[in-house]
Amino acid sequence: MNEKCVLDENKICNNCGECDECDLTPGKKCDNCGKCIGLDADSRAIEIEDVILKN
């Protein structure tokens, strides 16, 4: 089955790459820098609540 486009639910994905484009610099591939969402300390940390050890 074909995947749906993540940007347009009425479209089948045709691997156009539009979903990988940088929101701040059109034409540039997203490198996950986080500038578009204003990364701060809260979103850069993961709180570990429990550790499960396997024997």
N, C-alpha and C. Protein backbone atom coordinates (compact mmCIF):
# COMPACT_ATOMS: atom_id res chain seq x y z
N MET A 1 0.84 -1.18 0.00
CA MET A 1 0.00 0.00 0.00
C MET A 1 0.88 1.25 0.00
N ASN A 2 0.48 2.26 -0.71
CA ASN A 2 1.25 3.50 -0.80
C ASN A 2 1.06 4.37 0.44
N GLU A 3 2.12 5.03 0.84
CA GLU A 3 2.07 5.93 1.99
C GLU A 3 1.39 7.24 1.59
N LYS A 4 0.71 7.85 2.56
CA LYS A 4 0.13 9.16 2.34
C LYS A 4 1.19 10.22 2.62
N CYS A 5 1.07 11.34 1.95
CA CYS A 5 1.97 12.48 2.16
C CYS A 5 1.75 13.02 3.58
N VAL A 6 2.82 13.36 4.28
CA VAL A 6 2.70 13.89 5.64
C VAL A 6 2.25 15.34 5.65
N LEU A 7 2.35 16.03 4.51
CA LEU A 7 1.94 17.42 4.42
C LEU A 7 0.55 17.60 3.82
N ASP A 8 0.07 16.62 3.07
CA ASP A 8 -1.24 16.69 2.42
C ASP A 8 -1.90 15.32 2.49
N GLU A 9 -2.87 15.19 3.37
CA GLU A 9 -3.49 13.88 3.60
C GLU A 9 -4.26 13.35 2.39
N ASN A 10 -4.51 14.19 1.40
CA ASN A 10 -5.23 13.76 0.20
C ASN A 10 -4.28 13.33 -0.92
N LYS A 11 -2.99 13.30 -0.64
CA LYS A 11 -1.98 13.01 -1.66
C LYS A 11 -1.20 11.74 -1.28
N ILE A 12 -0.84 10.95 -2.26
CA ILE A 12 0.03 9.80 -2.05
C ILE A 12 1.48 10.29 -2.12
N CYS A 13 2.33 9.81 -1.21
CA CYS A 13 3.73 10.22 -1.21
C CYS A 13 4.40 9.83 -2.53
N ASN A 14 5.06 10.82 -3.14
CA ASN A 14 5.80 10.56 -4.38
C ASN A 14 7.28 10.87 -4.20
N ASN A 15 7.72 10.91 -2.93
CA ASN A 15 9.13 11.16 -2.59
C ASN A 15 9.65 12.47 -3.16
N CYS A 16 8.82 13.52 -3.13
CA CYS A 16 9.22 14.83 -3.66
C CYS A 16 10.25 15.52 -2.76
N GLY A 17 10.28 15.17 -1.46
CA GLY A 17 11.24 15.74 -0.53
C GLY A 17 10.78 17.02 0.14
N GLU A 18 9.58 17.48 -0.18
CA GLU A 18 9.09 18.72 0.41
C GLU A 18 9.00 18.64 1.93
N CYS A 19 8.71 17.47 2.46
CA CYS A 19 8.60 17.30 3.92
C CYS A 19 9.96 17.37 4.61
N ASP A 20 11.04 17.25 3.87
CA ASP A 20 12.39 17.33 4.44
C ASP A 20 13.02 18.71 4.28
N GLU A 21 12.25 19.67 3.76
CA GLU A 21 12.79 21.01 3.49
C GLU A 21 12.78 21.86 4.76
N CYS A 22 13.83 22.65 4.94
CA CYS A 22 13.96 23.56 6.08
C CYS A 22 12.86 24.62 6.02
N ASP A 23 12.21 24.89 7.16
CA ASP A 23 11.17 25.91 7.22
C ASP A 23 11.74 27.32 7.18
N LEU A 24 12.97 27.50 7.63
CA LEU A 24 13.56 28.82 7.69
C LEU A 24 14.35 29.19 6.44
N THR A 25 14.91 28.19 5.76
CA THR A 25 15.70 28.42 4.55
C THR A 25 15.16 27.53 3.44
N PRO A 26 14.17 28.02 2.69
CA PRO A 26 13.61 27.21 1.60
C PRO A 26 14.70 26.74 0.62
N GLY A 27 14.58 25.50 0.20
CA GLY A 27 15.56 24.91 -0.70
C GLY A 27 16.64 24.13 0.02
N LYS A 28 16.77 24.35 1.34
CA LYS A 28 17.77 23.64 2.15
C LYS A 28 17.12 22.43 2.80
N LYS A 29 17.81 21.30 2.82
CA LYS A 29 17.30 20.10 3.49
C LYS A 29 17.43 20.30 5.00
N CYS A 30 16.40 19.90 5.72
CA CYS A 30 16.39 20.02 7.19
C CYS A 30 17.54 19.21 7.78
N ASP A 31 18.29 19.84 8.70
CA ASP A 31 19.37 19.14 9.39
C ASP A 31 19.08 19.00 10.89
N ASN A 32 17.82 19.18 11.25
CA ASN A 32 17.36 19.05 12.65
C ASN A 32 18.07 19.98 13.61
N CYS A 33 18.37 21.21 13.18
CA CYS A 33 19.06 22.17 14.05
C CYS A 33 18.15 22.67 15.17
N GLY A 34 16.83 22.66 14.95
CA GLY A 34 15.88 23.08 15.97
C GLY A 34 15.60 24.56 16.03
N LYS A 35 16.22 25.36 15.17
CA LYS A 35 16.00 26.81 15.20
C LYS A 35 14.55 27.17 14.92
N CYS A 36 13.87 26.38 14.11
CA CYS A 36 12.48 26.68 13.76
C CYS A 36 11.51 26.47 14.92
N ILE A 37 11.89 25.67 15.90
CA ILE A 37 11.02 25.43 17.05
C ILE A 37 11.57 26.03 18.33
N GLY A 38 12.68 26.76 18.22
CA GLY A 38 13.24 27.43 19.39
C GLY A 38 13.63 26.49 20.50
N LEU A 39 14.51 25.55 20.21
CA LEU A 39 14.93 24.59 21.23
C LEU A 39 15.47 25.29 22.46
N ASP A 40 15.04 24.83 23.61
CA ASP A 40 15.57 25.34 24.87
C ASP A 40 15.94 24.14 25.75
N ALA A 41 16.34 24.39 26.97
CA ALA A 41 16.80 23.31 27.85
C ALA A 41 15.73 22.26 28.09
N ASP A 42 14.46 22.66 28.16
CA ASP A 42 13.39 21.71 28.43
C ASP A 42 13.20 20.70 27.30
N SER A 43 13.43 21.13 26.07
CA SER A 43 13.22 20.21 24.95
C SER A 43 14.50 19.48 24.56
N ARG A 44 15.61 19.79 25.18
CA ARG A 44 16.86 19.09 24.90
C ARG A 44 17.19 18.05 25.96
N ALA A 45 16.33 17.88 26.93
CA ALA A 45 16.60 16.94 28.01
C ALA A 45 15.52 15.87 28.07
N ILE A 46 15.92 14.69 28.47
CA ILE A 46 14.98 13.60 28.65
C ILE A 46 15.11 13.14 30.09
N GLU A 47 13.99 13.15 30.79
CA GLU A 47 14.00 12.71 32.17
C GLU A 47 13.85 11.20 32.21
N ILE A 48 14.79 10.53 32.87
CA ILE A 48 14.75 9.08 33.01
C ILE A 48 14.09 8.77 34.34
N GLU A 49 12.96 8.07 34.27
CA GLU A 49 12.20 7.78 35.48
C GLU A 49 12.54 6.42 36.06
N ASP A 50 12.98 5.48 35.21
CA ASP A 50 13.22 4.13 35.69
C ASP A 50 14.20 3.44 34.76
N VAL A 51 15.00 2.53 35.30
CA VAL A 51 15.92 1.73 34.51
C VAL A 51 15.58 0.27 34.75
N ILE A 52 15.36 -0.46 33.68
CA ILE A 52 15.03 -1.89 33.78
C ILE A 52 16.25 -2.69 33.33
N LEU A 53 16.78 -3.49 34.22
CA LEU A 53 17.95 -4.31 33.92
C LEU A 53 17.50 -5.71 33.52
N LYS A 54 18.05 -6.21 32.42
CA LYS A 54 17.74 -7.58 31.98
C LYS A 54 18.86 -8.50 32.42
N ASN A 55 18.51 -9.68 32.87
CA ASN A 55 19.51 -10.67 33.27
C ASN A 55 19.96 -11.50 32.11
